[in-house]
Amino acid sequence: MAAEQYFIVQDNNEWKISFKGKHYGPYDTQQAAIEAATDAAYAMGEIGIDAEVLVQDTDKKLRTAWSHGHMFYR
């Protein structure tokens, strides 16, 4: 598990990033939220902090979308 985790969630029919208990956004699409979270996680990875982006699917299960040093495809 990474030291920092960014969660992509749908909240009140809006896509948001949940990070350390706070929501950021909204974003027009799930993909836009993933890209914003990936940018933030990448920046952390560049300074030596493990980070990953997880997406909460409609069934409430989490899947990894991005992890520093790895790219995951749907």
C-alpha atoms as a PDB file:
ATOM      1  CA  MET A   1       0.000   0.000   0.000  1.00  0.00           C
ATOM      2  CA  ALA A   2       1.267   3.459  -0.891  1.00  0.00           C
ATOM      3  CA  ALA A   3       1.980   6.097   1.723  1.00  0.00           C
ATOM      4  CA  GLU A   4      -0.516   8.498   0.125  1.00  0.00           C
ATOM      5  CA  GLN A   5      -3.749   7.514  -1.577  1.00  0.00           C
ATOM      6  CA  TYR A   6      -6.036   9.578  -3.771  1.00  0.00           C
ATOM      7  CA  PHE A   7      -9.553   8.172  -4.127  1.00  0.00           C
ATOM      8  CA  ILE A   8     -11.802   9.012  -7.079  1.00  0.00           C
ATOM      9  CA  VAL A   9     -15.389   8.961  -5.823  1.00  0.00           C
ATOM     10  CA  GLN A  10     -18.805   9.969  -7.017  1.00  0.00           C
ATOM     11  CA  ASP A  11     -20.426  12.265  -4.454  1.00  0.00           C
ATOM     12  CA  ASN A  12     -23.890  13.743  -5.080  1.00  0.00           C
ATOM     13  CA  ASN A  13     -23.586  12.795  -8.778  1.00  0.00           C
ATOM     14  CA  GLU A  14     -20.282  14.672  -9.092  1.00  0.00           C
ATOM     15  CA  TRP A  15     -16.781  13.235  -9.515  1.00  0.00           C
ATOM     16  CA  LYS A  16     -14.381  14.259  -6.772  1.00  0.00           C
ATOM     17  CA  ILE A  17     -10.972  13.413  -5.396  1.00  0.00           C
ATOM     18  CA  SER A  18     -10.892  12.332  -1.782  1.00  0.00           C
ATOM     19  CA  PHE A  19      -7.517  12.892  -0.143  1.00  0.00           C
ATOM     20  CA  LYS A  20      -6.818  12.774   3.584  1.00  0.00           C
ATOM     21  CA  GLY A  21     -10.514  13.022   4.415  1.00  0.00           C
ATOM     22  CA  LYS A  22     -11.255  16.059   2.220  1.00  0.00           C
ATOM     23  CA  HIS A  23     -13.025  16.210  -1.140  1.00  0.00           C
ATOM     24  CA  TYR A  24     -11.619  18.201  -4.053  1.00  0.00           C
ATOM     25  CA  GLY A  25     -13.495  19.062  -7.221  1.00  0.00           C
ATOM     26  CA  PRO A  26     -16.004  18.600  -8.656  1.00  0.00           C
ATOM     27  CA  TYR A  27     -14.744  17.359 -12.008  1.00  0.00           C
ATOM     28  CA  ASP A  28     -16.849  17.060 -15.164  1.00  0.00           C
ATOM     29  CA  THR A  29     -15.920  13.419 -15.692  1.00  0.00           C
ATOM     30  CA  GLN A  30     -14.393  10.502 -13.858  1.00  0.00           C
ATOM     31  CA  GLN A  31     -11.436  10.651 -16.262  1.00  0.00           C
ATOM     32  CA  ALA A  32     -10.807  14.326 -15.462  1.00  0.00           C
ATOM     33  CA  ALA A  33     -10.702  13.500 -11.739  1.00  0.00           C
ATOM     34  CA  ILE A  34      -8.328  10.587 -12.401  1.00  0.00           C
ATOM     35  CA  GLU A  35      -6.001  12.830 -14.415  1.00  0.00           C
ATOM     36  CA  ALA A  36      -5.932  15.526 -11.714  1.00  0.00           C
ATOM     37  CA  ALA A  37      -5.264  12.979  -8.975  1.00  0.00           C
ATOM     38  CA  THR A  38      -2.590  11.284 -11.075  1.00  0.00           C
ATOM     39  CA  ASP A  39      -0.811  14.612 -11.549  1.00  0.00           C
ATOM     40  CA  ALA A  40      -0.803  15.167  -7.784  1.00  0.00           C
ATOM     41  CA  ALA A  41       0.298  11.588  -7.030  1.00  0.00           C
ATOM     42  CA  TYR A  42       3.044  11.801  -9.665  1.00  0.00           C
ATOM     43  CA  ALA A  43       4.393  14.988  -8.068  1.00  0.00           C
ATOM     44  CA  MET A  44       4.554  13.197  -4.710  1.00  0.00           C
ATOM     45  CA  GLY A  45       6.341  10.266  -6.267  1.00  0.00           C
ATOM     46  CA  GLU A  46       8.914  12.572  -7.791  1.00  0.00           C
ATOM     47  CA  ILE A  47       9.906  13.759  -4.322  1.00  0.00           C
ATOM     48  CA  GLY A  48      10.092  10.239  -2.955  1.00  0.00           C
ATOM     49  CA  ILE A  49       6.645   9.790  -1.432  1.00  0.00           C
ATOM     50  CA  ASP A  50       4.817   6.639  -2.592  1.00  0.00           C
ATOM     51  CA  ALA A  51       1.391   7.586  -3.911  1.00  0.00           C
ATOM     52  CA  GLU A  52      -1.414   5.920  -5.824  1.00  0.00           C
ATOM     53  CA  VAL A  53      -4.790   6.737  -7.347  1.00  0.00           C
ATOM     54  CA  LEU A  54      -7.727   4.443  -6.605  1.00  0.00           C
ATOM     55  CA  VAL A  55     -11.139   4.582  -8.277  1.00  0.00           C
ATOM     56  CA  GLN A  56     -14.321   3.610  -6.470  1.00  0.00           C
ATOM     57  CA  ASP A  57     -16.517   1.804  -8.990  1.00  0.00           C
ATOM     58  CA  THR A  58     -20.306   1.802  -8.886  1.00  0.00           C
ATOM     59  CA  ASP A  59     -20.235  -1.431  -6.869  1.00  0.00           C
ATOM     60  CA  LYS A  60     -18.130   0.442  -4.228  1.00  0.00           C
ATOM     61  CA  LYS A  61     -15.054  -1.715  -4.932  1.00  0.00           C
ATOM     62  CA  LEU A  62     -11.719   0.040  -5.368  1.00  0.00           C
ATOM     63  CA  ARG A  63      -9.365  -0.474  -8.277  1.00  0.00           C
ATOM     64  CA  THR A  64      -5.930   0.996  -8.754  1.00  0.00           C
ATOM     65  CA  ALA A  65      -5.776   3.463 -11.645  1.00  0.00           C
ATOM     66  CA  TRP A  66      -2.213   4.669 -11.103  1.00  0.00           C
ATOM     67  CA  SER A  67       0.709   4.006  -8.803  1.00  0.00           C
ATOM     68  CA  HIS A  68       4.080   5.736  -8.923  1.00  0.00           C
ATOM     69  CA  GLY A  69       6.248   3.738 -11.313  1.00  0.00           C
ATOM     70  CA  HIS A  70       3.282   1.743 -12.713  1.00  0.00           C
ATOM     71  CA  MET A  71       0.413   2.461 -15.079  1.00  0.00           C
ATOM     72  CA  PHE A  72      -2.810   0.474 -14.901  1.00  0.00           C
ATOM     73  CA  TYR A  73      -5.296   0.255 -17.747  1.00  0.00           C
ATOM     74  CA  ARG A  74      -8.975  -0.586 -17.592  1.00  0.00           C
END
